Amino acid sequence: MSAPPLLASEGWHYAAWVAIDLRLLVFAALLAALTAAGLTALVVRSRRKSDYLALWLLNFVALFALTVFFMNEVAQHPVFVVEALFPFP
């Protein structure tokens, strides 16, 4: 026996208007990419490109998330701002 489908009127569907500062997003991405490249060049001594790519990608994701968190919370220059949250039919 299957459960009845949930309806949108039950209030669990939500949507949001999100504002993105593209200049700050590009700055954060470039900063993370260049820092990740530098850290990868210092750490990896292998000749396989897959090692470089894997560690660069790991560094990039971590540094990008850290940079966006720092800009949003500490520096008070938000990259992402939720403008409005509203129920979605």
PDB file of N, CA and C in Angstrom:
ATOM      1  N   MET A   1       0.850  -1.172   0.000  1.00  0.00           N
ATOM      2  CA  MET A   1       0.000   0.000   0.000  1.00  0.00           C
ATOM      3  C   MET A   1       0.901   1.243   0.000  1.00  0.00           C
ATOM      4  N   SER A   2       0.662   2.131  -0.933  1.00  0.00           N
ATOM      5  CA  SER A   2       1.499   3.323  -1.041  1.00  0.00           C
ATOM      6  C   SER A   2       0.859   4.489  -0.294  1.00  0.00           C
ATOM      7  N   ALA A   3       1.705   5.404   0.105  1.00  0.00           N
ATOM      8  CA  ALA A   3       1.244   6.587   0.825  1.00  0.00           C
ATOM      9  C   ALA A   3       0.613   7.559  -0.168  1.00  0.00           C
ATOM     10  N   PRO A   4      -0.346   8.367   0.289  1.00  0.00           N
ATOM     11  CA  PRO A   4      -0.952   9.348  -0.618  1.00  0.00           C
ATOM     12  C   PRO A   4       0.065  10.425  -0.989  1.00  0.00           C
ATOM     13  N   PRO A   5      -0.037  10.961  -2.190  1.00  0.00           N
ATOM     14  CA  PRO A   5       0.928  11.991  -2.605  1.00  0.00           C
ATOM     15  C   PRO A   5       0.756  13.269  -1.790  1.00  0.00           C
ATOM     16  N   LEU A   6       1.859  13.936  -1.533  1.00  0.00           N
ATOM     17  CA  LEU A   6       1.826  15.197  -0.797  1.00  0.00           C
ATOM     18  C   LEU A   6       1.438  16.321  -1.745  1.00  0.00           C
ATOM     19  N   LEU A   7       0.603  17.172  -1.287  1.00  0.00           N
ATOM     20  CA  LEU A   7       0.150  18.291  -2.101  1.00  0.00           C
ATOM     21  C   LEU A   7       0.946  19.540  -1.776  1.00  0.00           C
ATOM     22  N   ALA A   8       1.023  20.446  -2.738  1.00  0.00           N
ATOM     23  CA  ALA A   8       1.740  21.696  -2.522  1.00  0.00           C
ATOM     24  C   ALA A   8       1.040  22.562  -1.483  1.00  0.00           C
ATOM     25  N   SER A   9      -0.253  22.370  -1.315  1.00  0.00           N
ATOM     26  CA  SER A   9      -0.992  23.184  -0.347  1.00  0.00           C
ATOM     27  C   SER A   9      -0.657  22.804   1.091  1.00  0.00           C
ATOM     28  N   GLU A  10       0.059  21.699   1.292  1.00  0.00           N
ATOM     29  CA  GLU A  10       0.438  21.309   2.638  1.00  0.00           C
ATOM     30  C   GLU A  10       1.604  22.140   3.175  1.00  0.00           C
ATOM     31  N   GLY A  11       2.169  23.016   2.363  1.00  0.00           N
ATOM     32  CA  GLY A  11       3.143  23.978   2.833  1.00  0.00           C
ATOM     33  C   GLY A  11       4.568  23.496   2.932  1.00  0.00           C
ATOM     34  N   TRP A  12       4.960  22.480   2.212  1.00  0.00           N
ATOM     35  CA  TRP A  12       6.339  22.013   2.305  1.00  0.00           C
ATOM     36  C   TRP A  12       7.154  22.358   1.072  1.00  0.00           C
ATOM     37  N   HIS A  13       6.544  22.984   0.084  1.00  0.00           N
ATOM     38  CA  HIS A  13       7.279  23.455  -1.088  1.00  0.00           C
ATOM     39  C   HIS A  13       7.617  24.932  -0.896  1.00  0.00           C
ATOM     40  N   TYR A  14       8.880  25.256  -1.042  1.00  0.00           N
ATOM     41  CA  TYR A  14       9.292  26.645  -0.916  1.00  0.00           C
ATOM     42  C   TYR A  14      10.230  27.002  -2.055  1.00  0.00           C
ATOM     43  N   ALA A  15      10.252  28.253  -2.393  1.00  0.00           N
ATOM     44  CA  ALA A  15      11.169  28.768  -3.401  1.00  0.00           C
ATOM     45  C   ALA A  15      11.795  30.049  -2.843  1.00  0.00           C
ATOM     46  N   ALA A  16      12.863  30.490  -3.473  1.00  0.00           N
ATOM     47  CA  ALA A  16      13.536  31.694  -2.988  1.00  0.00           C
ATOM     48  C   ALA A  16      14.086  32.497  -4.154  1.00  0.00           C
ATOM     49  N   TRP A  17      14.088  33.793  -3.975  1.00  0.00           N
ATOM     50  CA  TRP A  17      14.806  34.671  -4.888  1.00  0.00           C
ATOM     51  C   TRP A  17      16.206  34.842  -4.321  1.00  0.00           C
ATOM     52  N   VAL A  18      17.194  34.500  -5.126  1.00  0.00           N
ATOM     53  CA  VAL A  18      18.580  34.567  -4.673  1.00  0.00           C
ATOM     54  C   VAL A  18      19.318  35.574  -5.546  1.00  0.00           C
ATOM     55  N   ALA A  19      20.009  36.493  -4.897  1.00  0.00           N
ATOM     56  CA  ALA A  19      20.840  37.468  -5.607  1.00  0.00           C
ATOM     57  C   ALA A  19      22.301  37.018  -5.526  1.00  0.00           C
ATOM     58  N   ILE A  20      22.992  37.068  -6.657  1.00  0.00           N
ATOM     59  CA  ILE A  20      24.394  36.655  -6.722  1.00  0.00           C
ATOM     60  C   ILE A  20      25.228  37.843  -7.197  1.00  0.00           C
ATOM     61  N   ASP A  21      26.269  38.152  -6.466  1.00  0.00           N
ATOM     62  CA  ASP A  21      27.214  39.189  -6.877  1.00  0.00           C
ATOM     63  C   ASP A  21      28.260  38.519  -7.777  1.00  0.00           C
ATOM     64  N   LEU A  22      28.115  38.705  -9.080  1.00  0.00           N
ATOM     65  CA  LEU A  22      28.976  37.989 -10.036  1.00  0.00           C
ATOM     66  C   LEU A  22      30.439  38.403  -9.943  1.00  0.00           C
ATOM     67  N   ARG A  23      30.697  39.672  -9.671  1.00  0.00           N
ATOM     68  CA  ARG A  23      32.094  40.104  -9.557  1.00  0.00           C
ATOM     69  C   ARG A  23      32.784  39.420  -8.390  1.00  0.00           C
ATOM     70  N   LEU A  24      32.096  39.333  -7.262  1.00  0.00           N
ATOM     71  CA  LEU A  24      32.664  38.683  -6.092  1.00  0.00           C
ATOM     72  C   LEU A  24      32.753  37.170  -6.286  1.00  0.00           C
ATOM     73  N   LEU A  25      31.797  36.585  -7.007  1.00  0.00           N
ATOM     74  CA  LEU A  25      31.835  35.156  -7.301  1.00  0.00           C
ATOM     75  C   LEU A  25      33.020  34.815  -8.199  1.00  0.00           C
ATOM     76  N   VAL A  26      33.263  35.623  -9.221  1.00  0.00           N
ATOM     77  CA  VAL A  26      34.413  35.398 -10.112  1.00  0.00           C
ATOM     78  C   VAL A  26      35.723  35.601  -9.351  1.00  0.00           C
ATOM     79  N   PHE A  27      35.779  36.617  -8.497  1.00  0.00           N
ATOM     80  CA  PHE A  27      36.975  36.842  -7.682  1.00  0.00           C
ATOM     81  C   PHE A  27      37.253  35.657  -6.776  1.00  0.00           C
ATOM     82  N   ALA A  28      36.211  35.141  -6.123  1.00  0.00           N
ATOM     83  CA  ALA A  28      36.377  33.991  -5.228  1.00  0.00           C
ATOM     84  C   ALA A  28      36.822  32.761  -6.014  1.00  0.00           C
ATOM     85  N   ALA A  29      36.275  32.558  -7.199  1.00  0.00           N
ATOM     86  CA  ALA A  29      36.647  31.402  -8.017  1.00  0.00           C
ATOM     87  C   ALA A  29      38.099  31.513  -8.497  1.00  0.00           C
ATOM     88  N   LEU A  30      38.503  32.685  -8.943  1.00  0.00           N
ATOM     89  CA  LEU A  30      39.889  32.874  -9.399  1.00  0.00           C
ATOM     90  C   LEU A  30      40.877  32.745  -8.244  1.00  0.00           C
ATOM     91  N   LEU A  31      40.541  33.312  -7.110  1.00  0.00           N
ATOM     92  CA  LEU A  31      41.406  33.208  -5.934  1.00  0.00           C
ATOM     93  C   LEU A  31      41.563  31.751  -5.514  1.00  0.00           C
ATOM     94  N   ALA A  32      40.465  31.021  -5.484  1.00  0.00           N
ATOM     95  CA  ALA A  32      40.513  29.606  -5.107  1.00  0.00           C
ATOM     96  C   ALA A  32      41.278  28.785  -6.142  1.00  0.00           C
ATOM     97  N   ALA A  33      41.081  29.077  -7.430  1.00  0.00           N
ATOM     98  CA  ALA A  33      41.758  28.311  -8.484  1.00  0.00           C
ATOM     99  C   ALA A  33      43.269  28.523  -8.441  1.00  0.00           C
ATOM    100  N   LEU A  34      43.703  29.763  -8.291  1.00  0.00           N
ATOM    101  CA  LEU A  34      45.141  30.041  -8.282  1.00  0.00           C
ATOM    102  C   LEU A  34      45.808  29.523  -7.001  1.00  0.00           C
ATOM    103  N   THR A  35      45.127  29.663  -5.878  1.00  0.00           N
ATOM    104  CA  THR A  35      45.675  29.140  -4.629  1.00  0.00           C
ATOM    105  C   THR A  35      45.741  27.623  -4.661  1.00  0.00           C
ATOM    106  N   ALA A  36      44.718  26.988  -5.217  1.00  0.00           N
ATOM    107  CA  ALA A  36      44.713  25.526  -5.342  1.00  0.00           C
ATOM    108  C   ALA A  36      45.829  25.056  -6.265  1.00  0.00           C
ATOM    109  N   ALA A  37      46.086  25.793  -7.341  1.00  0.00           N
ATOM    110  CA  ALA A  37      47.178  25.428  -8.244  1.00  0.00           C
ATOM    111  C   ALA A  37      48.526  25.535  -7.533  1.00  0.00           C
ATOM    112  N   GLY A  38      48.700  26.579  -6.736  1.00  0.00           N
ATOM    113  CA  GLY A  38      49.946  26.726  -5.992  1.00  0.00           C
ATOM    114  C   GLY A  38      50.146  25.647  -4.949  1.00  0.00           C
ATOM    115  N   LEU A  39      49.095  25.335  -4.209  1.00  0.00           N
ATOM    116  CA  LEU A  39      49.202  24.273  -3.207  1.00  0.00           C
ATOM    117  C   LEU A  39      49.458  22.911  -3.861  1.00  0.00           C
ATOM    118  N   THR A  40      48.807  22.669  -4.977  1.00  0.00           N
ATOM    119  CA  THR A  40      48.996  21.403  -5.679  1.00  0.00           C
ATOM    120  C   THR A  40      50.423  21.290  -6.201  1.00  0.00           C
ATOM    121  N   ALA A  41      50.956  22.373  -6.721  1.00  0.00           N
ATOM    122  CA  ALA A  41      52.332  22.344  -7.239  1.00  0.00           C
ATOM    123  C   ALA A  41      53.342  22.114  -6.110  1.00  0.00           C
ATOM    124  N   LEU A  42      53.036  22.586  -4.918  1.00  0.00           N
ATOM    125  CA  LEU A  42      53.949  22.380  -3.795  1.00  0.00           C
ATOM    126  C   LEU A  42      53.892  20.958  -3.241  1.00  0.00           C
ATOM    127  N   VAL A  43      52.721  20.344  -3.285  1.00  0.00           N
ATOM    128  CA  VAL A  43      52.527  19.059  -2.622  1.00  0.00           C
ATOM    129  C   VAL A  43      52.809  17.867  -3.533  1.00  0.00           C
ATOM    130  N   VAL A  44      52.318  17.894  -4.761  1.00  0.00           N
ATOM    131  CA  VAL A  44      52.389  16.715  -5.636  1.00  0.00           C
ATOM    132  C   VAL A  44      53.743  16.658  -6.329  1.00  0.00           C
ATOM    133  N   ARG A  45      54.388  15.532  -6.202  1.00  0.00           N
ATOM    134  CA  ARG A  45      55.672  15.321  -6.868  1.00  0.00           C
ATOM    135  C   ARG A  45      55.582  14.206  -7.909  1.00  0.00           C
ATOM    136  N   SER A  46      54.378  13.753  -8.183  1.00  0.00           N
ATOM    137  CA  SER A  46      54.168  12.675  -9.139  1.00  0.00           C
ATOM    138  C   SER A  46      54.222  13.220 -10.567  1.00  0.00           C
ATOM    139  N   ARG A  47      54.307  12.326 -11.531  1.00  0.00           N
ATOM    140  CA  ARG A  47      54.285  12.741 -12.932  1.00  0.00           C
ATOM    141  C   ARG A  47      52.931  12.470 -13.585  1.00  0.00           C
ATOM    142  N   ARG A  48      51.992  11.887 -12.831  1.00  0.00           N
ATOM    143  CA  ARG A  48      50.679  11.583 -13.387  1.00  0.00           C
ATOM    144  C   ARG A  48      49.773  12.801 -13.286  1.00  0.00           C
ATOM    145  N   LYS A  49      49.145  13.130 -14.400  1.00  0.00           N
ATOM    146  CA  LYS A  49      48.258  14.296 -14.414  1.00  0.00           C
ATOM    147  C   LYS A  49      47.009  14.079 -13.586  1.00  0.00           C
ATOM    148  N   SER A  50      46.602  12.827 -13.415  1.00  0.00           N
ATOM    149  CA  SER A  50      45.404  12.568 -12.621  1.00  0.00           C
ATOM    150  C   SER A  50      45.624  12.935 -11.148  1.00  0.00           C
ATOM    151  N   ASP A  51      46.858  12.777 -10.662  1.00  0.00           N
ATOM    152  CA  ASP A  51      47.157  13.189  -9.288  1.00  0.00           C
ATOM    153  C   ASP A  51      47.033  14.695  -9.130  1.00  0.00           C
ATOM    154  N   TYR A  52      47.591  15.426 -10.094  1.00  0.00           N
ATOM    155  CA  TYR A  52      47.487  16.880 -10.063  1.00  0.00           C
ATOM    156  C   TYR A  52      46.027  17.328 -10.119  1.00  0.00           C
ATOM    157  N   LEU A  53      45.269  16.733 -11.037  1.00  0.00           N
ATOM    158  CA  LEU A  53      43.878  17.142 -11.218  1.00  0.00           C
ATOM    159  C   LEU A  53      43.029  16.822  -9.997  1.00  0.00           C
ATOM    160  N   ALA A  54      43.218  15.648  -9.425  1.00  0.00           N
ATOM    161  CA  ALA A  54      42.421  15.256  -8.254  1.00  0.00           C
ATOM    162  C   ALA A  54      42.706  16.169  -7.064  1.00  0.00           C
ATOM    163  N   LEU A  55      43.964  16.426  -6.789  1.00  0.00           N
ATOM    164  CA  LEU A  55      44.296  17.283  -5.649  1.00  0.00           C
ATOM    165  C   LEU A  55      43.912  18.731  -5.914  1.00  0.00           C
ATOM    166  N   TRP A  56      44.046  19.192  -7.160  1.00  0.00           N
ATOM    167  CA  TRP A  56      43.639  20.554  -7.488  1.00  0.00           C
ATOM    168  C   TRP A  56      42.138  20.723  -7.288  1.00  0.00           C
ATOM    169  N   LEU A  57      41.368  19.746  -7.742  1.00  0.00           N
ATOM    170  CA  LEU A  57      39.920  19.827  -7.602  1.00  0.00           C
ATOM    171  C   LEU A  57      39.501  19.816  -6.138  1.00  0.00           C
ATOM    172  N   LEU A  58      40.123  18.978  -5.350  1.00  0.00           N
ATOM    173  CA  LEU A  58      39.839  18.932  -3.913  1.00  0.00           C
ATOM    174  C   LEU A  58      40.185  20.267  -3.249  1.00  0.00           C
ATOM    175  N   ASN A  59      41.356  20.798  -3.567  1.00  0.00           N
ATOM    176  CA  ASN A  59      41.760  22.095  -3.013  1.00  0.00           C
ATOM    177  C   ASN A  59      40.828  23.215  -3.468  1.00  0.00           C
ATOM    178  N   PHE A  60      40.464  23.204  -4.744  1.00  0.00           N
ATOM    179  CA  PHE A  60      39.603  24.257  -5.283  1.00  0.00           C
ATOM    180  C   PHE A  60      38.255  24.282  -4.588  1.00  0.00           C
ATOM    181  N   VAL A  61      37.628  23.125  -4.445  1.00  0.00           N
ATOM    182  CA  VAL A  61      36.307  23.073  -3.816  1.00  0.00           C
ATOM    183  C   VAL A  61      36.386  23.544  -2.361  1.00  0.00           C
ATOM    184  N   ALA A  62      37.384  23.081  -1.646  1.00  0.00           N
ATOM    185  CA  ALA A  62      37.525  23.483  -0.243  1.00  0.00           C
ATOM    186  C   ALA A  62      37.813  24.984  -0.121  1.00  0.00           C
ATOM    187  N   LEU A  63      38.719  25.497  -0.924  1.00  0.00           N
ATOM    188  CA  LEU A  63      39.064  26.916  -0.842  1.00  0.00           C
ATOM    189  C   LEU A  63      37.926  27.808  -1.330  1.00  0.00           C
ATOM    190  N   PHE A  64      37.196  27.366  -2.349  1.00  0.00           N
ATOM    191  CA  PHE A  64      36.062  28.149  -2.841  1.00  0.00           C
ATOM    192  C   PHE A  64      34.972  28.233  -1.770  1.00  0.00           C
ATOM    193  N   ALA A  65      34.666  27.107  -1.141  1.00  0.00           N
ATOM    194  CA  ALA A  65      33.662  27.110  -0.080  1.00  0.00           C
ATOM    195  C   ALA A  65      34.113  27.979   1.091  1.00  0.00           C
ATOM    196  N   LEU A  66      35.377  27.884   1.452  1.00  0.00           N
ATOM    197  CA  LEU A  66      35.912  28.701   2.542  1.00  0.00           C
ATOM    198  C   LEU A  66      35.876  30.190   2.192  1.00  0.00           C
ATOM    199  N   THR A  67      36.213  30.535   0.972  1.00  0.00           N
ATOM    200  CA  THR A  67      36.198  31.936   0.540  1.00  0.00           C
ATOM    201  C   THR A  67      34.784  32.497   0.532  1.00  0.00           C
ATOM    202  N   VAL A  68      33.827  31.733   0.004  1.00  0.00           N
ATOM    203  CA  VAL A  68      32.438  32.196  -0.016  1.00  0.00           C
ATOM    204  C   VAL A  68      31.911  32.344   1.404  1.00  0.00           C
ATOM    205  N   PHE A  69      32.220  31.386   2.287  1.00  0.00           N
ATOM    206  CA  PHE A  69      31.801  31.498   3.688  1.00  0.00           C
ATOM    207  C   PHE A  69      32.417  32.735   4.342  1.00  0.00           C
ATOM    208  N   PHE A  70      33.710  32.950   4.103  1.00  0.00           N
ATOM    209  CA  PHE A  70      34.381  34.106   4.685  1.00  0.00           C
ATOM    210  C   PHE A  70      33.760  35.412   4.197  1.00  0.00           C
ATOM    211  N   MET A  71      33.505  35.504   2.891  1.00  0.00           N
ATOM    212  CA  MET A  71      32.914  36.732   2.343  1.00  0.00           C
ATOM    213  C   MET A  71      31.507  36.957   2.877  1.00  0.00           C
ATOM    214  N   ASN A  72      30.705  35.893   2.949  1.00  0.00           N
ATOM    215  CA  ASN A  72      29.324  36.047   3.408  1.00  0.00           C
ATOM    216  C   ASN A  72      29.228  36.372   4.890  1.00  0.00           C
ATOM    217  N   GLU A  73      29.965  35.654   5.720  1.00  0.00           N
ATOM    218  CA  GLU A  73      29.762  35.745   7.157  1.00  0.00           C
ATOM    219  C   GLU A  73      30.717  36.714   7.861  1.00  0.00           C
ATOM    220  N   VAL A  74      31.982  36.665   7.519  1.00  0.00           N
ATOM    221  CA  VAL A  74      32.970  37.448   8.264  1.00  0.00           C
ATOM    222  C   VAL A  74      33.141  38.843   7.665  1.00  0.00           C
ATOM    223  N   ALA A  75      33.336  38.928   6.370  1.00  0.00           N
ATOM    224  CA  ALA A  75      33.625  40.203   5.727  1.00  0.00           C
ATOM    225  C   ALA A  75      32.376  41.019   5.426  1.00  0.00           C
ATOM    226  N   GLN A  76      31.187  40.418   5.571  1.00  0.00           N
ATOM    227  CA  GLN A  76      29.926  41.103   5.309  1.00  0.00           C
ATOM    228  C   GLN A  76      29.817  41.644   3.880  1.00  0.00           C
ATOM    229  N   HIS A  77      30.423  40.935   2.927  1.00  0.00           N
ATOM    230  CA  HIS A  77      30.263  41.211   1.498  1.00  0.00           C
ATOM    231  C   HIS A  77      29.687  39.948   0.874  1.00  0.00           C
ATOM    232  N   PRO A  78      28.360  39.787   0.897  1.00  0.00           N
ATOM    233  CA  PRO A  78      27.766  38.506   0.514  1.00  0.00           C
ATOM    234  C   PRO A  78      27.891  38.200  -0.976  1.00  0.00           C
ATOM    235  N   VAL A  79      28.258  36.967  -1.246  1.00  0.00           N
ATOM    236  CA  VAL A  79      28.279  36.461  -2.614  1.00  0.00           C
ATOM    237  C   VAL A  79      26.869  36.028  -3.000  1.00  0.00           C
ATOM    238  N   PHE A  80      26.200  35.320  -2.104  1.00  0.00           N
ATOM    239  CA  PHE A  80      24.826  34.869  -2.300  1.00  0.00           C
ATOM    240  C   PHE A  80      23.943  35.490  -1.226  1.00  0.00           C
ATOM    241  N   VAL A  81      22.813  36.061  -1.640  1.00  0.00           N
ATOM    242  CA  VAL A  81      21.863  36.646  -0.698  1.00  0.00           C
ATOM    243  C   VAL A  81      20.477  36.105  -1.040  1.00  0.00           C
ATOM    244  N   VAL A  82      19.778  35.583  -0.042  1.00  0.00           N
ATOM    245  CA  VAL A  82      18.400  35.159  -0.245  1.00  0.00           C
ATOM    246  C   VAL A  82      17.530  36.399  -0.064  1.00  0.00           C
ATOM    247  N   GLU A  83      16.949  36.874  -1.161  1.00  0.00           N
ATOM    248  CA  GLU A  83      16.143  38.100  -1.127  1.00  0.00           C
ATOM    249  C   GLU A  83      14.770  37.840  -0.527  1.00  0.00           C
ATOM    250  N   ALA A  84      14.138  36.721  -0.904  1.00  0.00           N
ATOM    251  CA  ALA A  84      12.793  36.419  -0.402  1.00  0.00           C
ATOM    252  C   ALA A  84      12.596  34.913  -0.415  1.00  0.00           C
ATOM    253  N   LEU A  85      11.861  34.436   0.574  1.00  0.00           N
ATOM    254  CA  LEU A  85      11.506  33.026   0.668  1.00  0.00           C
ATOM    255  C   LEU A  85       9.981  32.957   0.681  1.00  0.00           C
ATOM    256  N   PHE A  86       9.407  32.166  -0.210  1.00  0.00           N
ATOM    257  CA  PHE A  86       7.951  32.149  -0.323  1.00  0.00           C
ATOM    258  C   PHE A  86       7.475  30.742  -0.666  1.00  0.00           C
ATOM    259  N   PRO A  87       6.233  30.410  -0.315  1.00  0.00           N
ATOM    260  CA  PRO A  87       5.691  29.105  -0.668  1.00  0.00           C
ATOM    261  C   PRO A  87       5.513  28.982  -2.182  1.00  0.00           C
ATOM    262  N   PHE A  88       5.786  27.811  -2.676  1.00  0.00           N
ATOM    263  CA  PHE A  88       5.717  27.567  -4.108  1.00  0.00           C
ATOM    264  C   PHE A  88       4.541  26.631  -4.400  1.00  0.00           C
ATOM    265  N   PRO A  89       3.635  27.044  -5.244  1.00  0.00           N
ATOM    266  CA  PRO A  89       2.463  26.191  -5.505  1.00  0.00           C
ATOM    267  C   PRO A  89       2.786  24.959  -6.325  1.00  0.00           C
TER     268      PRO A  89
END
